[in-house]
């Protein structure tokens, strides 16, 4: 919902990385058994 946000899986298929202008601001562990986000 934030302007200019894009995301993808640059490190591994289980880490969804959110960036703004190339700067990481959120990493989502895409694993139902390990619900963790890093900010």
ModelCIF file with pLDDT and N, C-alpha, C, O atoms, coordinates in Angstrom:
data_MODEL
#
_entry.id   MODEL 
#
_entity.id                         1 
_entity.type                       polymer 
_entity.pdbx_number_of_molecules   1 
#
_entity_poly.entity_id                      1 
_entity_poly.type                           'polypeptide(L)' 
_entity_poly.nstd_linkage                   no 
_entity_poly.nstd_monomer                   no 
_entity_poly.pdbx_seq_one_letter_code       
;(UNK)(UNK)(UNK)(UNK)(UNK)(UNK)(UNK)(UNK)(UNK)(UNK)(UNK)(UNK)(UNK)(UNK)(UNK)(UNK)
(UNK)(UNK)(UNK)(UNK)(UNK)(UNK)(UNK)(UNK)(UNK)(UNK)(UNK)(UNK)(UNK)(UNK)(UNK)(UNK)
(UNK)(UNK)(UNK)(UNK)(UNK)(UNK)(UNK)
;
_entity_poly.pdbx_seq_one_letter_code_can   XXXXXXXXXXXXXXXXXXXXXXXXXXXXXXXXXXXXXXX 
_entity_poly.pdbx_strand_id                 A 
#
loop_
_entity_poly_seq.entity_id 
_entity_poly_seq.num 
_entity_poly_seq.mon_id 
_entity_poly_seq.hetero 
1 1  UNK n 
1 2  UNK n 
1 3  UNK n 
1 4  UNK n 
1 5  UNK n 
1 6  UNK n 
1 7  UNK n 
1 8  UNK n 
1 9  UNK n 
1 10 UNK n 
1 11 UNK n 
1 12 UNK n 
1 13 UNK n 
1 14 UNK n 
1 15 UNK n 
1 16 UNK n 
1 17 UNK n 
1 18 UNK n 
1 19 UNK n 
1 20 UNK n 
1 21 UNK n 
1 22 UNK n 
1 23 UNK n 
1 24 UNK n 
1 25 UNK n 
1 26 UNK n 
1 27 UNK n 
1 28 UNK n 
1 29 UNK n 
1 30 UNK n 
1 31 UNK n 
1 32 UNK n 
1 33 UNK n 
1 34 UNK n 
1 35 UNK n 
1 36 UNK n 
1 37 UNK n 
1 38 UNK n 
1 39 UNK n 
#
_struct_asym.id          A 
_struct_asym.entity_id   1 
#
loop_
_ma_qa_metric.id 
_ma_qa_metric.mode 
_ma_qa_metric.name 
_ma_qa_metric.software_group_id 
_ma_qa_metric.type 
1 global pLDDT . pLDDT 
2 local  pLDDT . pLDDT 
#
_ma_qa_metric_global.metric_id      1 
_ma_qa_metric_global.metric_value   91.44 
_ma_qa_metric_global.model_id       1 
_ma_qa_metric_global.ordinal_id     1 
#
loop_
_ma_qa_metric_local.label_asym_id 
_ma_qa_metric_local.label_comp_id 
_ma_qa_metric_local.label_seq_id 
_ma_qa_metric_local.metric_id 
_ma_qa_metric_local.metric_value 
_ma_qa_metric_local.model_id 
_ma_qa_metric_local.ordinal_id 
A UNK 1  2 97.00 1 1  
A UNK 2  2 97.00 1 2  
A UNK 3  2 95.00 1 3  
A UNK 4  2 94.00 1 4  
A UNK 5  2 96.00 1 5  
A UNK 6  2 95.00 1 6  
A UNK 7  2 95.00 1 7  
A UNK 8  2 94.00 1 8  
A UNK 9  2 93.00 1 9  
A UNK 10 2 90.00 1 10 
A UNK 11 2 88.00 1 11 
A UNK 12 2 87.00 1 12 
A UNK 13 2 87.00 1 13 
A UNK 14 2 87.00 1 14 
A UNK 15 2 91.00 1 15 
A UNK 16 2 93.00 1 16 
A UNK 17 2 96.00 1 17 
A UNK 18 2 98.00 1 18 
A UNK 19 2 96.00 1 19 
A UNK 20 2 96.00 1 20 
A UNK 21 2 93.00 1 21 
A UNK 22 2 93.00 1 22 
A UNK 23 2 94.00 1 23 
A UNK 24 2 95.00 1 24 
A UNK 25 2 97.00 1 25 
A UNK 26 2 97.00 1 26 
A UNK 27 2 95.00 1 27 
A UNK 28 2 94.00 1 28 
A UNK 29 2 91.00 1 29 
A UNK 30 2 80.00 1 30 
A UNK 31 2 77.00 1 31 
A UNK 32 2 72.00 1 32 
A UNK 33 2 78.00 1 33 
A UNK 34 2 81.00 1 34 
A UNK 35 2 85.00 1 35 
A UNK 36 2 92.00 1 36 
A UNK 37 2 95.00 1 37 
A UNK 38 2 95.00 1 38 
A UNK 39 2 97.00 1 39 
#
loop_
_atom_site.group_PDB 
_atom_site.id 
_atom_site.type_symbol 
_atom_site.label_atom_id 
_atom_site.label_alt_id 
_atom_site.label_comp_id 
_atom_site.label_asym_id 
_atom_site.label_entity_id 
_atom_site.label_seq_id 
_atom_site.pdbx_PDB_ins_code 
_atom_site.Cartn_x 
_atom_site.Cartn_y 
_atom_site.Cartn_z 
_atom_site.occupancy 
_atom_site.B_iso_or_equiv 
_atom_site.pdbx_formal_charge 
_atom_site.auth_seq_id 
_atom_site.auth_comp_id 
_atom_site.auth_asym_id 
_atom_site.auth_atom_id 
_atom_site.pdbx_PDB_model_num 
ATOM 1   N N  . UNK A 1 1  ? 0.823  -1.213  0.000  1.00 97.00 ? 1  UNK A N  1 
ATOM 2   C CA . UNK A 1 1  ? 0.000  0.000   0.000  1.00 97.00 ? 1  UNK A CA 1 
ATOM 3   C C  . UNK A 1 1  ? 0.858  1.265   0.000  1.00 97.00 ? 1  UNK A C  1 
ATOM 4   O O  . UNK A 1 1  ? 0.331  2.362   -0.183 1.00 97.00 ? 1  UNK A O  1 
ATOM 5   N N  . UNK A 1 2  ? 2.159  1.131   0.201  1.00 97.00 ? 2  UNK A N  1 
ATOM 6   C CA . UNK A 1 2  ? 3.061  2.285   0.281  1.00 97.00 ? 2  UNK A CA 1 
ATOM 7   C C  . UNK A 1 2  ? 3.618  2.628   -1.098 1.00 97.00 ? 2  UNK A C  1 
ATOM 8   O O  . UNK A 1 2  ? 3.941  1.729   -1.873 1.00 97.00 ? 2  UNK A O  1 
ATOM 9   N N  . UNK A 1 3  ? 3.733  3.930   -1.413 1.00 95.00 ? 3  UNK A N  1 
ATOM 10  C CA . UNK A 1 3  ? 4.182  4.355   -2.743 1.00 95.00 ? 3  UNK A CA 1 
ATOM 11  C C  . UNK A 1 3  ? 5.581  3.849   -3.097 1.00 95.00 ? 3  UNK A C  1 
ATOM 12  O O  . UNK A 1 3  ? 6.493  3.871   -2.270 1.00 95.00 ? 3  UNK A O  1 
ATOM 13  N N  . UNK A 1 4  ? 5.728  3.397   -4.330 1.00 94.00 ? 4  UNK A N  1 
ATOM 14  C CA . UNK A 1 4  ? 7.037  3.011   -4.843 1.00 94.00 ? 4  UNK A CA 1 
ATOM 15  C C  . UNK A 1 4  ? 7.562  1.676   -4.361 1.00 94.00 ? 4  UNK A C  1 
ATOM 16  O O  . UNK A 1 4  ? 8.732  1.361   -4.577 1.00 94.00 ? 4  UNK A O  1 
ATOM 17  N N  . UNK A 1 5  ? 6.722  0.885   -3.713 1.00 96.00 ? 5  UNK A N  1 
ATOM 18  C CA . UNK A 1 5  ? 7.162  -0.401  -3.178 1.00 96.00 ? 5  UNK A CA 1 
ATOM 19  C C  . UNK A 1 5  ? 7.193  -1.459  -4.271 1.00 96.00 ? 5  UNK A C  1 
ATOM 20  O O  . UNK A 1 5  ? 6.263  -1.573  -5.070 1.00 96.00 ? 5  UNK A O  1 
ATOM 21  N N  . UNK A 1 6  ? 8.271  -2.228  -4.295 1.00 95.00 ? 6  UNK A N  1 
ATOM 22  C CA . UNK A 1 6  ? 8.306  -3.423  -5.128 1.00 95.00 ? 6  UNK A CA 1 
ATOM 23  C C  . UNK A 1 6  ? 8.831  -4.566  -4.278 1.00 95.00 ? 6  UNK A C  1 
ATOM 24  O O  . UNK A 1 6  ? 9.405  -4.349  -3.211 1.00 95.00 ? 6  UNK A O  1 
ATOM 25  N N  . UNK A 1 7  ? 8.628  -5.785  -4.760 1.00 95.00 ? 7  UNK A N  1 
ATOM 26  C CA . UNK A 1 7  ? 9.105  -6.919  -3.976 1.00 95.00 ? 7  UNK A CA 1 
ATOM 27  C C  . UNK A 1 7  ? 9.447  -8.084  -4.882 1.00 95.00 ? 7  UNK A C  1 
ATOM 28  O O  . UNK A 1 7  ? 9.016  -8.163  -6.032 1.00 95.00 ? 7  UNK A O  1 
ATOM 29  N N  . UNK A 1 8  ? 10.240 -8.987  -4.319 1.00 94.00 ? 8  UNK A N  1 
ATOM 30  C CA . UNK A 1 8  ? 10.666 -10.170 -5.044 1.00 94.00 ? 8  UNK A CA 1 
ATOM 31  C C  . UNK A 1 8  ? 11.440 -11.084 -4.112 1.00 94.00 ? 8  UNK A C  1 
ATOM 32  O O  . UNK A 1 8  ? 11.440 -10.908 -2.894 1.00 94.00 ? 8  UNK A O  1 
ATOM 33  N N  . UNK A 1 9  ? 12.100 -12.061 -4.714 1.00 93.00 ? 9  UNK A N  1 
ATOM 34  C CA . UNK A 1 9  ? 12.819 -13.084 -3.943 1.00 93.00 ? 9  UNK A CA 1 
ATOM 35  C C  . UNK A 1 9  ? 14.290 -13.118 -4.366 1.00 93.00 ? 9  UNK A C  1 
ATOM 36  O O  . UNK A 1 9  ? 14.739 -14.102 -4.953 1.00 93.00 ? 9  UNK A O  1 
ATOM 37  N N  . UNK A 1 10 ? 15.046 -12.050 -4.072 1.00 90.00 ? 10 UNK A N  1 
ATOM 38  C CA . UNK A 1 10 ? 16.432 -11.991 -4.551 1.00 90.00 ? 10 UNK A CA 1 
ATOM 39  C C  . UNK A 1 10 ? 17.395 -12.940 -3.827 1.00 90.00 ? 10 UNK A C  1 
ATOM 40  O O  . UNK A 1 10 ? 18.446 -13.273 -4.376 1.00 90.00 ? 10 UNK A O  1 
ATOM 41  N N  . UNK A 1 11 ? 17.063 -13.379 -2.619 1.00 88.00 ? 11 UNK A N  1 
ATOM 42  C CA . UNK A 1 11 ? 17.983 -14.189 -1.827 1.00 88.00 ? 11 UNK A CA 1 
ATOM 43  C C  . UNK A 1 11 ? 17.639 -15.673 -1.884 1.00 88.00 ? 11 UNK A C  1 
ATOM 44  O O  . UNK A 1 11 ? 18.505 -16.509 -2.138 1.00 88.00 ? 11 UNK A O  1 
ATOM 45  N N  . UNK A 1 12 ? 16.371 -15.993 -1.649 1.00 87.00 ? 12 UNK A N  1 
ATOM 46  C CA . UNK A 1 12 ? 15.898 -17.365 -1.636 1.00 87.00 ? 12 UNK A CA 1 
ATOM 47  C C  . UNK A 1 12 ? 14.394 -17.350 -1.853 1.00 87.00 ? 12 UNK A C  1 
ATOM 48  O O  . UNK A 1 12 ? 13.747 -16.325 -1.639 1.00 87.00 ? 12 UNK A O  1 
ATOM 49  N N  . UNK A 1 13 ? 13.838 -18.459 -2.269 1.00 87.00 ? 13 UNK A N  1 
ATOM 50  C CA . UNK A 1 13 ? 12.396 -18.510 -2.546 1.00 87.00 ? 13 UNK A CA 1 
ATOM 51  C C  . UNK A 1 13 ? 11.544 -18.361 -1.293 1.00 87.00 ? 13 UNK A C  1 
ATOM 52  O O  . UNK A 1 13 ? 10.330 -18.185 -1.397 1.00 87.00 ? 13 UNK A O  1 
ATOM 53  N N  . UNK A 1 14 ? 12.147 -18.427 -0.116 1.00 87.00 ? 14 UNK A N  1 
ATOM 54  C CA . UNK A 1 14 ? 11.379 -18.326 1.130  1.00 87.00 ? 14 UNK A CA 1 
ATOM 55  C C  . UNK A 1 14 ? 11.476 -16.967 1.808  1.00 87.00 ? 14 UNK A C  1 
ATOM 56  O O  . UNK A 1 14 ? 10.917 -16.774 2.888  1.00 87.00 ? 14 UNK A O  1 
ATOM 57  N N  . UNK A 1 15 ? 12.179 -16.020 1.188  1.00 91.00 ? 15 UNK A N  1 
ATOM 58  C CA . UNK A 1 15 ? 12.285 -14.673 1.754  1.00 91.00 ? 15 UNK A CA 1 
ATOM 59  C C  . UNK A 1 15 ? 11.770 -13.666 0.733  1.00 91.00 ? 15 UNK A C  1 
ATOM 60  O O  . UNK A 1 15 ? 12.427 -13.395 -0.272 1.00 91.00 ? 15 UNK A O  1 
ATOM 61  N N  . UNK A 1 16 ? 10.584 -13.115 1.002  1.00 93.00 ? 16 UNK A N  1 
ATOM 62  C CA . UNK A 1 16 ? 9.972  -12.106 0.147  1.00 93.00 ? 16 UNK A CA 1 
ATOM 63  C C  . UNK A 1 16 ? 10.494 -10.751 0.620  1.00 93.00 ? 16 UNK A C  1 
ATOM 64  O O  . UNK A 1 16 ? 10.212 -10.333 1.743  1.00 93.00 ? 16 UNK A O  1 
ATOM 65  N N  . UNK A 1 17 ? 11.253 -10.067 -0.235 1.00 96.00 ? 17 UNK A N  1 
ATOM 66  C CA . UNK A 1 17 ? 11.936 -8.833  0.136  1.00 96.00 ? 17 UNK A CA 1 
ATOM 67  C C  . UNK A 1 17 ? 11.213 -7.633  -0.482 1.00 96.00 ? 17 UNK A C  1 
ATOM 68  O O  . UNK A 1 17 ? 10.990 -7.581  -1.692 1.00 96.00 ? 17 UNK A O  1 
ATOM 69  N N  . UNK A 1 18 ? 10.855 -6.677  0.367  1.00 98.00 ? 18 UNK A N  1 
ATOM 70  C CA . UNK A 1 18 ? 10.158 -5.462  -0.068 1.00 98.00 ? 18 UNK A CA 1 
ATOM 71  C C  . UNK A 1 18 ? 11.145 -4.303  -0.031 1.00 98.00 ? 18 UNK A C  1 
ATOM 72  O O  . UNK A 1 18 ? 11.890 -4.128  0.933  1.00 98.00 ? 18 UNK A O  1 
ATOM 73  N N  . UNK A 1 19 ? 11.132 -3.503  -1.122 1.00 96.00 ? 19 UNK A N  1 
ATOM 74  C CA . UNK A 1 19 ? 12.063 -2.383  -1.252 1.00 96.00 ? 19 UNK A CA 1 
ATOM 75  C C  . UNK A 1 19 ? 11.336 -1.133  -1.718 1.00 96.00 ? 19 UNK A C  1 
ATOM 76  O O  . UNK A 1 19 ? 10.266 -1.193  -2.324 1.00 96.00 ? 19 UNK A O  1 
ATOM 77  N N  . UNK A 1 20 ? 11.954 0.003   -1.412 1.00 96.00 ? 20 UNK A N  1 
ATOM 78  C CA . UNK A 1 20 ? 11.551 1.281   -1.978 1.00 96.00 ? 20 UNK A CA 1 
ATOM 79  C C  . UNK A 1 20 ? 12.823 1.897   -2.552 1.00 96.00 ? 20 UNK A C  1 
ATOM 80  O O  . UNK A 1 20 ? 13.818 2.050   -1.844 1.00 96.00 ? 20 UNK A O  1 
ATOM 81  N N  . UNK A 1 21 ? 12.789 2.250   -3.836 1.00 93.00 ? 21 UNK A N  1 
ATOM 82  C CA . UNK A 1 21 ? 13.960 2.803   -4.537 1.00 93.00 ? 21 UNK A CA 1 
ATOM 83  C C  . UNK A 1 21 ? 15.215 1.968   -4.276 1.00 93.00 ? 21 UNK A C  1 
ATOM 84  O O  . UNK A 1 21 ? 16.301 2.512   -4.078 1.00 93.00 ? 21 UNK A O  1 
ATOM 85  N N  . UNK A 1 22 ? 15.056 0.654   -4.279 1.00 93.00 ? 22 UNK A N  1 
ATOM 86  C CA . UNK A 1 22 ? 16.191 -0.248  -4.109 1.00 93.00 ? 22 UNK A CA 1 
ATOM 87  C C  . UNK A 1 22 ? 16.625 -0.486  -2.677 1.00 93.00 ? 22 UNK A C  1 
ATOM 88  O O  . UNK A 1 22 ? 17.543 -1.268  -2.434 1.00 93.00 ? 22 UNK A O  1 
ATOM 89  N N  . UNK A 1 23 ? 15.985 0.172   -1.723 1.00 94.00 ? 23 UNK A N  1 
ATOM 90  C CA . UNK A 1 23 ? 16.338 0.011   -0.306 1.00 94.00 ? 23 UNK A CA 1 
ATOM 91  C C  . UNK A 1 23 ? 15.363 -0.947  0.379  1.00 94.00 ? 23 UNK A C  1 
ATOM 92  O O  . UNK A 1 23 ? 14.149 -0.750  0.336  1.00 94.00 ? 23 UNK A O  1 
ATOM 93  N N  . UNK A 1 24 ? 15.905 -1.975  1.003  1.00 95.00 ? 24 UNK A N  1 
ATOM 94  C CA . UNK A 1 24 ? 15.091 -2.968  1.694  1.00 95.00 ? 24 UNK A CA 1 
ATOM 95  C C  . UNK A 1 24 ? 14.473 -2.339  2.951  1.00 95.00 ? 24 UNK A C  1 
ATOM 96  O O  . UNK A 1 24 ? 15.154 -1.662  3.720  1.00 95.00 ? 24 UNK A O  1 
ATOM 97  N N  . UNK A 1 25 ? 13.165 -2.578  3.141  1.00 97.00 ? 25 UNK A N  1 
ATOM 98  C CA . UNK A 1 25 ? 12.530 -2.135  4.384  1.00 97.00 ? 25 UNK A CA 1 
ATOM 99  C C  . UNK A 1 25 ? 11.720 -3.246  5.053  1.00 97.00 ? 25 UNK A C  1 
ATOM 100 O O  . UNK A 1 25 ? 11.271 -3.078  6.186  1.00 97.00 ? 25 UNK A O  1 
ATOM 101 N N  . UNK A 1 26 ? 11.527 -4.371  4.376  1.00 97.00 ? 26 UNK A N  1 
ATOM 102 C CA . UNK A 1 26 ? 10.757 -5.468  4.946  1.00 97.00 ? 26 UNK A CA 1 
ATOM 103 C C  . UNK A 1 26 ? 11.205 -6.780  4.328  1.00 97.00 ? 26 UNK A C  1 
ATOM 104 O O  . UNK A 1 26 ? 11.353 -6.889  3.111  1.00 97.00 ? 26 UNK A O  1 
ATOM 105 N N  . UNK A 1 27 ? 11.419 -7.771  5.179  1.00 95.00 ? 27 UNK A N  1 
ATOM 106 C CA . UNK A 1 27 ? 11.671 -9.131  4.714  1.00 95.00 ? 27 UNK A CA 1 
ATOM 107 C C  . UNK A 1 27 ? 10.613 -10.017 5.360  1.00 95.00 ? 27 UNK A C  1 
ATOM 108 O O  . UNK A 1 27 ? 10.457 -10.041 6.580  1.00 95.00 ? 27 UNK A O  1 
ATOM 109 N N  . UNK A 1 28 ? 9.900  -10.736 4.522  1.00 94.00 ? 28 UNK A N  1 
ATOM 110 C CA . UNK A 1 28 ? 8.842  -11.633 4.988  1.00 94.00 ? 28 UNK A CA 1 
ATOM 111 C C  . UNK A 1 28 ? 9.308  -13.070 4.775  1.00 94.00 ? 28 UNK A C  1 
ATOM 112 O O  . UNK A 1 28 ? 9.620  -13.477 3.656  1.00 94.00 ? 28 UNK A O  1 
ATOM 113 N N  . UNK A 1 29 ? 9.348  -13.824 5.858  1.00 91.00 ? 29 UNK A N  1 
ATOM 114 C CA . UNK A 1 29 ? 9.668  -15.241 5.762  1.00 91.00 ? 29 UNK A CA 1 
ATOM 115 C C  . UNK A 1 29 ? 8.410  -15.937 5.267  1.00 91.00 ? 29 UNK A C  1 
ATOM 116 O O  . UNK A 1 29 ? 7.415  -16.029 5.986  1.00 91.00 ? 29 UNK A O  1 
ATOM 117 N N  . UNK A 1 30 ? 8.464  -16.418 4.052  1.00 80.00 ? 30 UNK A N  1 
ATOM 118 C CA . UNK A 1 30 ? 7.299  -17.012 3.398  1.00 80.00 ? 30 UNK A CA 1 
ATOM 119 C C  . UNK A 1 30 ? 7.206  -18.497 3.737  1.00 80.00 ? 30 UNK A C  1 
ATOM 120 O O  . UNK A 1 30 ? 7.413  -19.366 2.890  1.00 80.00 ? 30 UNK A O  1 
ATOM 121 N N  . UNK A 1 31 ? 6.889  -18.756 4.997  1.00 77.00 ? 31 UNK A N  1 
ATOM 122 C CA . UNK A 1 31 ? 6.830  -20.126 5.496  1.00 77.00 ? 31 UNK A CA 1 
ATOM 123 C C  . UNK A 1 31 ? 5.722  -20.179 6.548  1.00 77.00 ? 31 UNK A C  1 
ATOM 124 O O  . UNK A 1 31 ? 5.811  -19.486 7.561  1.00 77.00 ? 31 UNK A O  1 
ATOM 125 N N  . UNK A 1 32 ? 4.674  -20.992 6.328  1.00 72.00 ? 32 UNK A N  1 
ATOM 126 C CA . UNK A 1 32 ? 3.562  -21.019 7.285  1.00 72.00 ? 32 UNK A CA 1 
ATOM 127 C C  . UNK A 1 32 ? 3.965  -21.513 8.675  1.00 72.00 ? 32 UNK A C  1 
ATOM 128 O O  . UNK A 1 32 ? 3.287  -21.211 9.657  1.00 72.00 ? 32 UNK A O  1 
ATOM 129 N N  . UNK A 1 33 ? 5.051  -22.263 8.770  1.00 78.00 ? 33 UNK A N  1 
ATOM 130 C CA . UNK A 1 33 ? 5.497  -22.766 10.068 1.00 78.00 ? 33 UNK A CA 1 
ATOM 131 C C  . UNK A 1 33 ? 6.401  -21.789 10.803 1.00 78.00 ? 33 UNK A C  1 
ATOM 132 O O  . UNK A 1 33 ? 6.698  -21.984 11.982 1.00 78.00 ? 33 UNK A O  1 
ATOM 133 N N  . UNK A 1 34 ? 6.835  -20.753 10.128 1.00 81.00 ? 34 UNK A N  1 
ATOM 134 C CA . UNK A 1 34 ? 7.739  -19.772 10.731 1.00 81.00 ? 34 UNK A CA 1 
ATOM 135 C C  . UNK A 1 34 ? 7.283  -18.382 10.316 1.00 81.00 ? 34 UNK A C  1 
ATOM 136 O O  . UNK A 1 34 ? 7.840  -17.779 9.399  1.00 81.00 ? 34 UNK A O  1 
ATOM 137 N N  . UNK A 1 35 ? 6.264  -17.883 11.003 1.00 85.00 ? 35 UNK A N  1 
ATOM 138 C CA . UNK A 1 35 ? 5.715  -16.572 10.668 1.00 85.00 ? 35 UNK A CA 1 
ATOM 139 C C  . UNK A 1 35 ? 6.590  -15.480 11.257 1.00 85.00 ? 35 UNK A C  1 
ATOM 140 O O  . UNK A 1 35 ? 6.426  -15.096 12.415 1.00 85.00 ? 35 UNK A O  1 
ATOM 141 N N  . UNK A 1 36 ? 7.515  -14.986 10.457 1.00 92.00 ? 36 UNK A N  1 
ATOM 142 C CA . UNK A 1 36 ? 8.410  -13.925 10.918 1.00 92.00 ? 36 UNK A CA 1 
ATOM 143 C C  . UNK A 1 36 ? 8.503  -12.858 9.840  1.00 92.00 ? 36 UNK A C  1 
ATOM 144 O O  . UNK A 1 36 ? 8.610  -13.159 8.651  1.00 92.00 ? 36 UNK A O  1 
ATOM 145 N N  . UNK A 1 37 ? 8.459  -11.601 10.279 1.00 95.00 ? 37 UNK A N  1 
ATOM 146 C CA . UNK A 1 37 ? 8.788  -10.484 9.401  1.00 95.00 ? 37 UNK A CA 1 
ATOM 147 C C  . UNK A 1 37 ? 9.945  -9.734  10.050 1.00 95.00 ? 37 UNK A C  1 
ATOM 148 O O  . UNK A 1 37 ? 10.078 -9.715  11.274 1.00 95.00 ? 37 UNK A O  1 
ATOM 149 N N  . UNK A 1 38 ? 10.774 -9.121  9.226  1.00 95.00 ? 38 UNK A N  1 
ATOM 150 C CA . UNK A 1 38 ? 11.909 -8.349  9.719  1.00 95.00 ? 38 UNK A CA 1 
ATOM 151 C C  . UNK A 1 38 ? 11.824 -6.951  9.125  1.00 95.00 ? 38 UNK A C  1 
ATOM 152 O O  . UNK A 1 38 ? 11.673 -6.785  7.915  1.00 95.00 ? 38 UNK A O  1 
ATOM 153 N N  . UNK A 1 39 ? 11.924 -5.937  10.001 1.00 97.00 ? 39 UNK A N  1 
ATOM 154 C CA . UNK A 1 39 ? 11.782 -4.536  9.596  1.00 97.00 ? 39 UNK A CA 1 
ATOM 155 C C  . UNK A 1 39 ? 12.903 -3.688  10.183 1.00 97.00 ? 39 UNK A C  1 
ATOM 156 O O  . UNK A 1 39 ? 12.950 -2.480  9.951  1.00 97.00 ? 39 UNK A O  1 
#
